[in-house]
Amino acid sequence: MIDRPSHAADHQPPDPGAASASPHRLAALLLGACAAYQLAIGLYFAMLRPPLLAEDLRFLGTASGALAAAAPRLERWLQLVFVVLGGQMAAVGVLTAALALRLSRGHAPDRRELALLGGAGALSVGTMSVVNLVLASDFRWLLILPVATWAGAIALAARDAGRLNER
């Protein structure tokens, strides 16, 4: 993210009571939660997720044995796919943590940065949530929480950025 030029008027002494409740601090906390979620789910996919869950077999309309007979290397291939997918998810978590740290230090993102952050949320947690709704996943309703958290973080950061830019 690009820092905007600093002006003396932008730097007012912090109000100790307001600092902990400021929108950018809350946005940073929510975005930090999104980062932790992305990192955790990435590690789960890369290291712990079985190649086929019961809901996967239910969606496919077949039994595990039938798949193994038809495609004996499918499960090994899926394990490798999930390692790559999990690594990408974890990487998004690390990058999101960096952005949360910037917000926690009082950086007010501009419109372009907010749009990029919104796009990242839509492409990561948004896509995962929509696909799990379509698949009728056992976790579909739970997966709406990261979307709401990400959207809340962006809304708070945008609100705070607008307030800081009015000064």
C-alpha atoms as a PDB file:
ATOM      1  CA  MET A   1       0.000   0.000   0.000  1.00  0.00           C
ATOM      2  CA  ILE A   2       1.204   3.489  -0.793  1.00  0.00           C
ATOM      3  CA  ASP A   3       1.407   6.055   1.994  1.00  0.00           C
ATOM      4  CA  ARG A   4      -0.041   9.456   1.271  1.00  0.00           C
ATOM      5  CA  PRO A   5       1.980  12.564   2.072  1.00  0.00           C
ATOM      6  CA  SER A   6       1.744  13.542   5.690  1.00  0.00           C
ATOM      7  CA  HIS A   7       0.420  16.939   6.765  1.00  0.00           C
ATOM      8  CA  ALA A   8       0.856  18.472  10.203  1.00  0.00           C
ATOM      9  CA  ALA A   9      -2.926  18.840  10.511  1.00  0.00           C
ATOM     10  CA  ASP A  10      -3.292  15.071  10.062  1.00  0.00           C
ATOM     11  CA  HIS A  11      -1.325  14.395  13.241  1.00  0.00           C
ATOM     12  CA  GLN A  12      -3.431  15.328  16.212  1.00  0.00           C
ATOM     13  CA  PRO A  13      -2.658  14.019  19.678  1.00  0.00           C
ATOM     14  CA  PRO A  14      -4.468  10.744  20.241  1.00  0.00           C
ATOM     15  CA  ASP A  15      -7.327  10.586  22.698  1.00  0.00           C
ATOM     16  CA  PRO A  16      -6.449   7.595  24.931  1.00  0.00           C
ATOM     17  CA  GLY A  17     -10.111   6.673  25.399  1.00  0.00           C
ATOM     18  CA  ALA A  18     -10.972   6.875  21.697  1.00  0.00           C
ATOM     19  CA  ALA A  19      -7.887   5.109  20.354  1.00  0.00           C
ATOM     20  CA  SER A  20      -8.985   1.640  21.380  1.00  0.00           C
ATOM     21  CA  ALA A  21     -12.468   2.084  19.896  1.00  0.00           C
ATOM     22  CA  SER A  22     -11.493   3.882  16.676  1.00  0.00           C
ATOM     23  CA  PRO A  23     -12.814   2.424  13.424  1.00  0.00           C
ATOM     24  CA  HIS A  24      -9.329   1.758  12.043  1.00  0.00           C
ATOM     25  CA  ARG A  25      -8.357  -0.195  15.162  1.00  0.00           C
ATOM     26  CA  LEU A  26     -11.541  -2.254  14.968  1.00  0.00           C
ATOM     27  CA  ALA A  27     -10.995  -2.701  11.210  1.00  0.00           C
ATOM     28  CA  ALA A  28      -7.451  -3.872  11.968  1.00  0.00           C
ATOM     29  CA  LEU A  29      -8.770  -6.341  14.549  1.00  0.00           C
ATOM     30  CA  LEU A  30     -11.376  -7.735  12.141  1.00  0.00           C
ATOM     31  CA  LEU A  31      -8.848  -7.930   9.319  1.00  0.00           C
ATOM     32  CA  GLY A  32      -6.424  -9.653  11.705  1.00  0.00           C
ATOM     33  CA  ALA A  33      -9.139 -12.214  12.443  1.00  0.00           C
ATOM     34  CA  CYS A  34      -9.537 -12.735   8.675  1.00  0.00           C
ATOM     35  CA  ALA A  35      -5.776 -13.217   8.391  1.00  0.00           C
ATOM     36  CA  ALA A  36      -5.786 -15.816  11.167  1.00  0.00           C
ATOM     37  CA  TYR A  37      -8.723 -17.591   9.511  1.00  0.00           C
ATOM     38  CA  GLN A  38      -6.991 -17.658   6.115  1.00  0.00           C
ATOM     39  CA  LEU A  39      -3.779 -18.952   7.646  1.00  0.00           C
ATOM     40  CA  ALA A  40      -5.564 -21.607   9.710  1.00  0.00           C
ATOM     41  CA  ILE A  41      -7.751 -22.876   6.872  1.00  0.00           C
ATOM     42  CA  GLY A  42      -4.741 -22.873   4.550  1.00  0.00           C
ATOM     43  CA  LEU A  43      -2.760 -25.015   6.963  1.00  0.00           C
ATOM     44  CA  TYR A  44      -5.779 -27.303   7.399  1.00  0.00           C
ATOM     45  CA  PHE A  45      -6.125 -27.785   3.631  1.00  0.00           C
ATOM     46  CA  ALA A  46      -2.381 -28.314   3.149  1.00  0.00           C
ATOM     47  CA  MET A  47      -1.790 -30.703   6.052  1.00  0.00           C
ATOM     48  CA  LEU A  48      -4.970 -32.161   7.511  1.00  0.00           C
ATOM     49  CA  ARG A  49      -7.861 -32.166   5.035  1.00  0.00           C
ATOM     50  CA  PRO A  50      -8.722 -35.621   3.766  1.00  0.00           C
ATOM     51  CA  PRO A  51      -8.857 -35.866  -0.033  1.00  0.00           C
ATOM     52  CA  LEU A  52     -12.581 -36.660   0.037  1.00  0.00           C
ATOM     53  CA  LEU A  53     -15.031 -35.634   2.719  1.00  0.00           C
ATOM     54  CA  ALA A  54     -18.394 -37.324   3.193  1.00  0.00           C
ATOM     55  CA  GLU A  55     -20.043 -34.255   1.666  1.00  0.00           C
ATOM     56  CA  ASP A  56     -17.796 -34.586  -1.416  1.00  0.00           C
ATOM     57  CA  LEU A  57     -18.958 -38.139  -1.980  1.00  0.00           C
ATOM     58  CA  ARG A  58     -22.556 -37.089  -1.362  1.00  0.00           C
ATOM     59  CA  PHE A  59     -22.231 -34.346  -4.009  1.00  0.00           C
ATOM     60  CA  LEU A  60     -20.597 -36.749  -6.470  1.00  0.00           C
ATOM     61  CA  GLY A  61     -23.291 -39.343  -5.813  1.00  0.00           C
ATOM     62  CA  THR A  62     -20.864 -42.207  -5.426  1.00  0.00           C
ATOM     63  CA  ALA A  63     -18.989 -44.239  -2.837  1.00  0.00           C
ATOM     64  CA  SER A  64     -15.307 -43.955  -2.050  1.00  0.00           C
ATOM     65  CA  GLY A  65     -14.650 -47.493  -3.273  1.00  0.00           C
ATOM     66  CA  ALA A  66     -16.227 -46.779  -6.660  1.00  0.00           C
ATOM     67  CA  LEU A  67     -14.041 -43.709  -7.108  1.00  0.00           C
ATOM     68  CA  ALA A  68     -10.925 -45.607  -6.068  1.00  0.00           C
ATOM     69  CA  ALA A  69     -11.721 -48.339  -8.602  1.00  0.00           C
ATOM     70  CA  ALA A  70     -12.428 -45.859 -11.404  1.00  0.00           C
ATOM     71  CA  ALA A  71      -9.525 -43.506 -10.625  1.00  0.00           C
ATOM     72  CA  PRO A  72      -7.013 -45.203  -8.306  1.00  0.00           C
ATOM     73  CA  ARG A  73      -4.720 -42.148  -8.071  1.00  0.00           C
ATOM     74  CA  LEU A  74      -7.508 -39.598  -7.531  1.00  0.00           C
ATOM     75  CA  GLU A  75      -7.026 -39.312  -3.765  1.00  0.00           C
ATOM     76  CA  ARG A  76      -3.256 -38.790  -4.059  1.00  0.00           C
ATOM     77  CA  TRP A  77      -3.808 -36.176  -6.755  1.00  0.00           C
ATOM     78  CA  LEU A  78      -6.388 -34.398  -4.577  1.00  0.00           C
ATOM     79  CA  GLN A  79      -3.938 -34.366  -1.656  1.00  0.00           C
ATOM     80  CA  LEU A  80      -1.406 -32.560  -3.858  1.00  0.00           C
ATOM     81  CA  VAL A  81      -4.064 -30.147  -5.112  1.00  0.00           C
ATOM     82  CA  PHE A  82      -5.038 -29.346  -1.516  1.00  0.00           C
ATOM     83  CA  VAL A  83      -1.404 -28.727  -0.558  1.00  0.00           C
ATOM     84  CA  VAL A  84      -1.166 -26.103  -3.312  1.00  0.00           C
ATOM     85  CA  LEU A  85      -4.576 -24.631  -2.489  1.00  0.00           C
ATOM     86  CA  GLY A  86      -3.752 -24.540   1.213  1.00  0.00           C
ATOM     87  CA  GLY A  87      -0.442 -22.821   0.524  1.00  0.00           C
ATOM     88  CA  GLN A  88      -2.248 -20.141  -1.473  1.00  0.00           C
ATOM     89  CA  MET A  89      -4.821 -19.690   1.311  1.00  0.00           C
ATOM     90  CA  ALA A  90      -2.083 -19.377   3.923  1.00  0.00           C
ATOM     91  CA  ALA A  91      -0.218 -16.858   1.742  1.00  0.00           C
ATOM     92  CA  VAL A  92      -3.366 -14.715   1.573  1.00  0.00           C
ATOM     93  CA  GLY A  93      -3.473 -14.931   5.373  1.00  0.00           C
ATOM     94  CA  VAL A  94       0.106 -13.705   5.710  1.00  0.00           C
ATOM     95  CA  LEU A  95      -0.490 -10.790   3.322  1.00  0.00           C
ATOM     96  CA  THR A  96      -3.752  -9.936   5.085  1.00  0.00           C
ATOM     97  CA  ALA A  97      -1.893  -9.889   8.413  1.00  0.00           C
ATOM     98  CA  ALA A  98       0.528  -7.337   6.957  1.00  0.00           C
ATOM     99  CA  LEU A  99      -2.406  -5.136   5.946  1.00  0.00           C
ATOM    100  CA  ALA A 100      -3.996  -5.521   9.379  1.00  0.00           C
ATOM    101  CA  LEU A 101      -0.731  -4.369  10.959  1.00  0.00           C
ATOM    102  CA  ARG A 102      -0.705  -1.273   8.742  1.00  0.00           C
ATOM    103  CA  LEU A 103      -4.274  -0.457   9.770  1.00  0.00           C
ATOM    104  CA  SER A 104      -3.427  -0.990  13.443  1.00  0.00           C
ATOM    105  CA  ARG A 105      -0.685   1.631  13.083  1.00  0.00           C
ATOM    106  CA  GLY A 106      -3.187   4.206  11.856  1.00  0.00           C
ATOM    107  CA  HIS A 107      -2.669   3.921   8.081  1.00  0.00           C
ATOM    108  CA  ALA A 108      -5.833   5.132   6.367  1.00  0.00           C
ATOM    109  CA  PRO A 109      -6.189   3.235   3.078  1.00  0.00           C
ATOM    110  CA  ASP A 110      -7.299   5.156   0.012  1.00  0.00           C
ATOM    111  CA  ARG A 111     -10.137   4.082  -2.304  1.00  0.00           C
ATOM    112  CA  ARG A 112      -7.860   2.011  -4.544  1.00  0.00           C
ATOM    113  CA  GLU A 113      -6.435   0.114  -1.591  1.00  0.00           C
ATOM    114  CA  LEU A 114      -9.913  -0.507  -0.217  1.00  0.00           C
ATOM    115  CA  ALA A 115     -11.064  -1.753  -3.636  1.00  0.00           C
ATOM    116  CA  LEU A 116      -8.101  -4.147  -3.824  1.00  0.00           C
ATOM    117  CA  LEU A 117      -8.757  -5.369  -0.297  1.00  0.00           C
ATOM    118  CA  GLY A 118     -12.436  -5.869  -1.143  1.00  0.00           C
ATOM    119  CA  GLY A 119     -11.470  -7.765  -4.296  1.00  0.00           C
ATOM    120  CA  ALA A 120      -9.147 -10.001  -2.298  1.00  0.00           C
ATOM    121  CA  GLY A 121     -11.955 -10.791   0.133  1.00  0.00           C
ATOM    122  CA  ALA A 122     -14.426 -11.469  -2.673  1.00  0.00           C
ATOM    123  CA  LEU A 123     -11.986 -13.758  -4.469  1.00  0.00           C
ATOM    124  CA  SER A 124     -10.916 -15.649  -1.350  1.00  0.00           C
ATOM    125  CA  VAL A 125     -13.563 -15.986   1.354  1.00  0.00           C
ATOM    126  CA  GLY A 126     -16.404 -14.866  -0.928  1.00  0.00           C
ATOM    127  CA  THR A 127     -15.726 -17.486  -3.575  1.00  0.00           C
ATOM    128  CA  MET A 128     -15.263 -20.196  -0.976  1.00  0.00           C
ATOM    129  CA  SER A 129     -18.548 -19.312   0.704  1.00  0.00           C
ATOM    130  CA  VAL A 130     -20.556 -19.180  -2.532  1.00  0.00           C
ATOM    131  CA  VAL A 131     -19.153 -22.480  -3.800  1.00  0.00           C
ATOM    132  CA  ASN A 132     -19.897 -24.162  -0.476  1.00  0.00           C
ATOM    133  CA  LEU A 133     -23.473 -22.863  -0.627  1.00  0.00           C
ATOM    134  CA  VAL A 134     -23.834 -24.303  -4.147  1.00  0.00           C
ATOM    135  CA  LEU A 135     -22.374 -27.631  -3.021  1.00  0.00           C
ATOM    136  CA  ALA A 136     -24.718 -27.703   0.006  1.00  0.00           C
ATOM    137  CA  SER A 137     -21.640 -28.163   2.191  1.00  0.00           C
ATOM    138  CA  ASP A 138     -22.068 -29.144   5.813  1.00  0.00           C
ATOM    139  CA  PHE A 139     -20.065 -25.962   6.608  1.00  0.00           C
ATOM    140  CA  ARG A 140     -21.904 -23.567   4.265  1.00  0.00           C
ATOM    141  CA  TRP A 141     -23.509 -21.400   6.949  1.00  0.00           C
ATOM    142  CA  LEU A 142     -20.361 -21.218   9.037  1.00  0.00           C
ATOM    143  CA  LEU A 143     -18.404 -20.035   5.989  1.00  0.00           C
ATOM    144  CA  ILE A 144     -20.519 -16.880   5.795  1.00  0.00           C
ATOM    145  CA  LEU A 145     -18.798 -15.576   8.945  1.00  0.00           C
ATOM    146  CA  PRO A 146     -15.420 -14.860   7.269  1.00  0.00           C
ATOM    147  CA  VAL A 147     -17.234 -12.969   4.484  1.00  0.00           C
ATOM    148  CA  ALA A 148     -19.104 -10.836   7.018  1.00  0.00           C
ATOM    149  CA  THR A 149     -15.915 -10.224   9.006  1.00  0.00           C
ATOM    150  CA  TRP A 150     -13.976  -9.192   5.888  1.00  0.00           C
ATOM    151  CA  ALA A 151     -16.797  -6.900   4.742  1.00  0.00           C
ATOM    152  CA  GLY A 152     -17.005  -5.364   8.215  1.00  0.00           C
ATOM    153  CA  ALA A 153     -13.269  -4.675   8.232  1.00  0.00           C
ATOM    154  CA  ILE A 154     -13.468  -2.935   4.853  1.00  0.00           C
ATOM    155  CA  ALA A 155     -16.531  -0.907   5.854  1.00  0.00           C
ATOM    156  CA  LEU A 156     -14.842   0.296   9.036  1.00  0.00           C
ATOM    157  CA  ALA A 157     -11.584   1.077   7.224  1.00  0.00           C
ATOM    158  CA  ALA A 158     -13.517   3.021   4.562  1.00  0.00           C
ATOM    159  CA  ARG A 159     -15.438   4.927   7.210  1.00  0.00           C
ATOM    160  CA  ASP A 160     -12.255   5.836   9.012  1.00  0.00           C
ATOM    161  CA  ALA A 161     -10.438   6.728   5.763  1.00  0.00           C
ATOM    162  CA  GLY A 162     -13.269   9.095   4.846  1.00  0.00           C
ATOM    163  CA  ARG A 163     -13.160  10.717   8.285  1.00  0.00           C
ATOM    164  CA  LEU A 164      -9.368  11.150   8.162  1.00  0.00           C
ATOM    165  CA  ASN A 165      -9.499  12.589   4.640  1.00  0.00           C
ATOM    166  CA  GLU A 166     -12.013  15.249   5.742  1.00  0.00           C
ATOM    167  CA  ARG A 167      -9.462  16.867   8.037  1.00  0.00           C
END
